[in-house]
Amino acid sequence: MTSLVSHTTVDCSDAFELSEWWKALLGYVDLEGDPNLPATRSA
């Protein structure tokens, strides 16, 4: 019998830190002037 995982959900308390982890894992490089950067980061 085989199985297929089609979706994964991750719950986190700090979405920005999670995005930084994915960025490092995937080798993503920030684009200068990116309009999607967070304006402020909560502590």
N, C-alpha and C. Protein backbone atom coordinates (compact mmCIF):
# COMPACT_ATOMS: atom_id res chain seq x y z
N MET A 1 0.84 -1.16 0.00
CA MET A 1 0.00 0.00 0.00
C MET A 1 0.90 1.24 0.00
N THR A 2 0.53 2.23 -0.77
CA THR A 2 1.30 3.47 -0.83
C THR A 2 0.49 4.60 -0.21
N SER A 3 1.20 5.66 0.13
CA SER A 3 0.52 6.85 0.66
C SER A 3 1.07 8.08 -0.03
N LEU A 4 0.31 9.13 0.00
CA LEU A 4 0.69 10.38 -0.64
C LEU A 4 0.40 11.53 0.31
N VAL A 5 1.40 12.37 0.55
CA VAL A 5 1.21 13.57 1.35
C VAL A 5 1.06 14.72 0.37
N SER A 6 -0.11 15.35 0.38
CA SER A 6 -0.34 16.43 -0.58
C SER A 6 -0.29 17.82 0.04
N HIS A 7 -0.46 17.91 1.35
CA HIS A 7 -0.43 19.20 2.02
C HIS A 7 0.26 19.08 3.37
N THR A 8 0.96 20.13 3.74
CA THR A 8 1.59 20.18 5.06
C THR A 8 1.22 21.51 5.69
N THR A 9 0.85 21.49 6.95
CA THR A 9 0.50 22.71 7.68
C THR A 9 1.47 22.86 8.84
N VAL A 10 2.01 24.08 9.00
CA VAL A 10 2.93 24.37 10.09
C VAL A 10 2.34 25.51 10.91
N ASP A 11 2.20 25.30 12.20
CA ASP A 11 1.72 26.34 13.11
C ASP A 11 2.92 26.90 13.84
N CYS A 12 3.00 28.22 13.93
CA CYS A 12 4.14 28.81 14.62
C CYS A 12 3.72 30.09 15.33
N SER A 13 4.48 30.48 16.33
CA SER A 13 4.18 31.71 17.06
C SER A 13 4.89 32.91 16.45
N ASP A 14 5.88 32.68 15.58
CA ASP A 14 6.63 33.77 14.97
C ASP A 14 6.81 33.47 13.48
N ALA A 15 5.88 33.94 12.68
CA ALA A 15 5.90 33.66 11.24
C ALA A 15 7.14 34.23 10.56
N PHE A 16 7.62 35.38 11.02
CA PHE A 16 8.81 35.97 10.42
C PHE A 16 10.03 35.07 10.62
N GLU A 17 10.23 34.56 11.82
CA GLU A 17 11.36 33.66 12.09
C GLU A 17 11.23 32.38 11.25
N LEU A 18 10.02 31.87 11.11
CA LEU A 18 9.82 30.69 10.28
C LEU A 18 10.18 30.99 8.83
N SER A 19 9.82 32.16 8.36
CA SER A 19 10.16 32.53 6.97
C SER A 19 11.66 32.66 6.80
N GLU A 20 12.35 33.15 7.82
CA GLU A 20 13.82 33.24 7.76
C GLU A 20 14.44 31.84 7.69
N TRP A 21 13.87 30.89 8.42
CA TRP A 21 14.36 29.51 8.39
C TRP A 21 14.18 28.92 7.00
N TRP A 22 12.99 29.10 6.40
CA TRP A 22 12.75 28.59 5.05
C TRP A 22 13.68 29.27 4.05
N LYS A 23 13.91 30.55 4.23
CA LYS A 23 14.79 31.30 3.32
C LYS A 23 16.19 30.69 3.33
N ALA A 24 16.71 30.40 4.52
CA ALA A 24 18.05 29.79 4.62
C ALA A 24 18.06 28.38 4.04
N LEU A 25 17.02 27.62 4.33
CA LEU A 25 16.95 26.24 3.85
C LEU A 25 16.92 26.17 2.33
N LEU A 26 16.17 27.07 1.70
CA LEU A 26 16.00 27.04 0.24
C LEU A 26 17.02 27.88 -0.51
N GLY A 27 17.88 28.61 0.23
CA GLY A 27 18.90 29.42 -0.43
C GLY A 27 18.34 30.69 -1.06
N TYR A 28 17.22 31.18 -0.55
CA TYR A 28 16.59 32.37 -1.08
C TYR A 28 17.42 33.59 -0.72
N VAL A 29 17.50 34.55 -1.62
CA VAL A 29 18.20 35.80 -1.38
C VAL A 29 17.18 36.93 -1.44
N ASP A 30 17.19 37.82 -0.44
CA ASP A 30 16.27 38.95 -0.44
C ASP A 30 16.53 39.85 -1.64
N LEU A 31 15.46 40.38 -2.19
CA LEU A 31 15.56 41.32 -3.29
C LEU A 31 15.55 42.74 -2.74
N GLU A 32 16.45 43.58 -3.25
CA GLU A 32 16.48 44.95 -2.79
C GLU A 32 15.20 45.66 -3.23
N GLY A 33 14.61 46.41 -2.33
CA GLY A 33 13.39 47.13 -2.65
C GLY A 33 12.15 46.23 -2.61
N ASP A 34 12.25 45.07 -1.99
CA ASP A 34 11.12 44.14 -1.91
C ASP A 34 9.97 44.79 -1.15
N PRO A 35 8.81 44.96 -1.78
CA PRO A 35 7.68 45.60 -1.10
C PRO A 35 7.01 44.69 -0.05
N ASN A 36 7.40 43.45 0.03
CA ASN A 36 6.76 42.50 0.95
C ASN A 36 7.48 42.35 2.28
N LEU A 37 8.52 43.15 2.52
CA LEU A 37 9.22 43.09 3.78
C LEU A 37 8.32 43.60 4.90
N PRO A 38 8.41 43.03 6.10
CA PRO A 38 7.57 43.53 7.19
C PRO A 38 7.98 44.94 7.59
N ALA A 39 7.00 45.80 7.80
CA ALA A 39 7.28 47.19 8.17
C ALA A 39 7.87 47.26 9.57
N THR A 40 7.29 46.51 10.47
CA THR A 40 7.80 46.43 11.83
C THR A 40 7.77 44.98 12.28
N ARG A 41 8.62 44.66 13.16
CA ARG A 41 8.68 43.29 13.67
C ARG A 41 8.40 43.31 15.15
N SER A 42 7.40 42.57 15.57
CA SER A 42 7.07 42.54 17.00
C SER A 42 8.11 41.76 17.76
N ALA A 43 8.39 42.19 18.97
CA ALA A 43 9.41 41.55 19.79
C ALA A 43 8.91 40.33 20.49
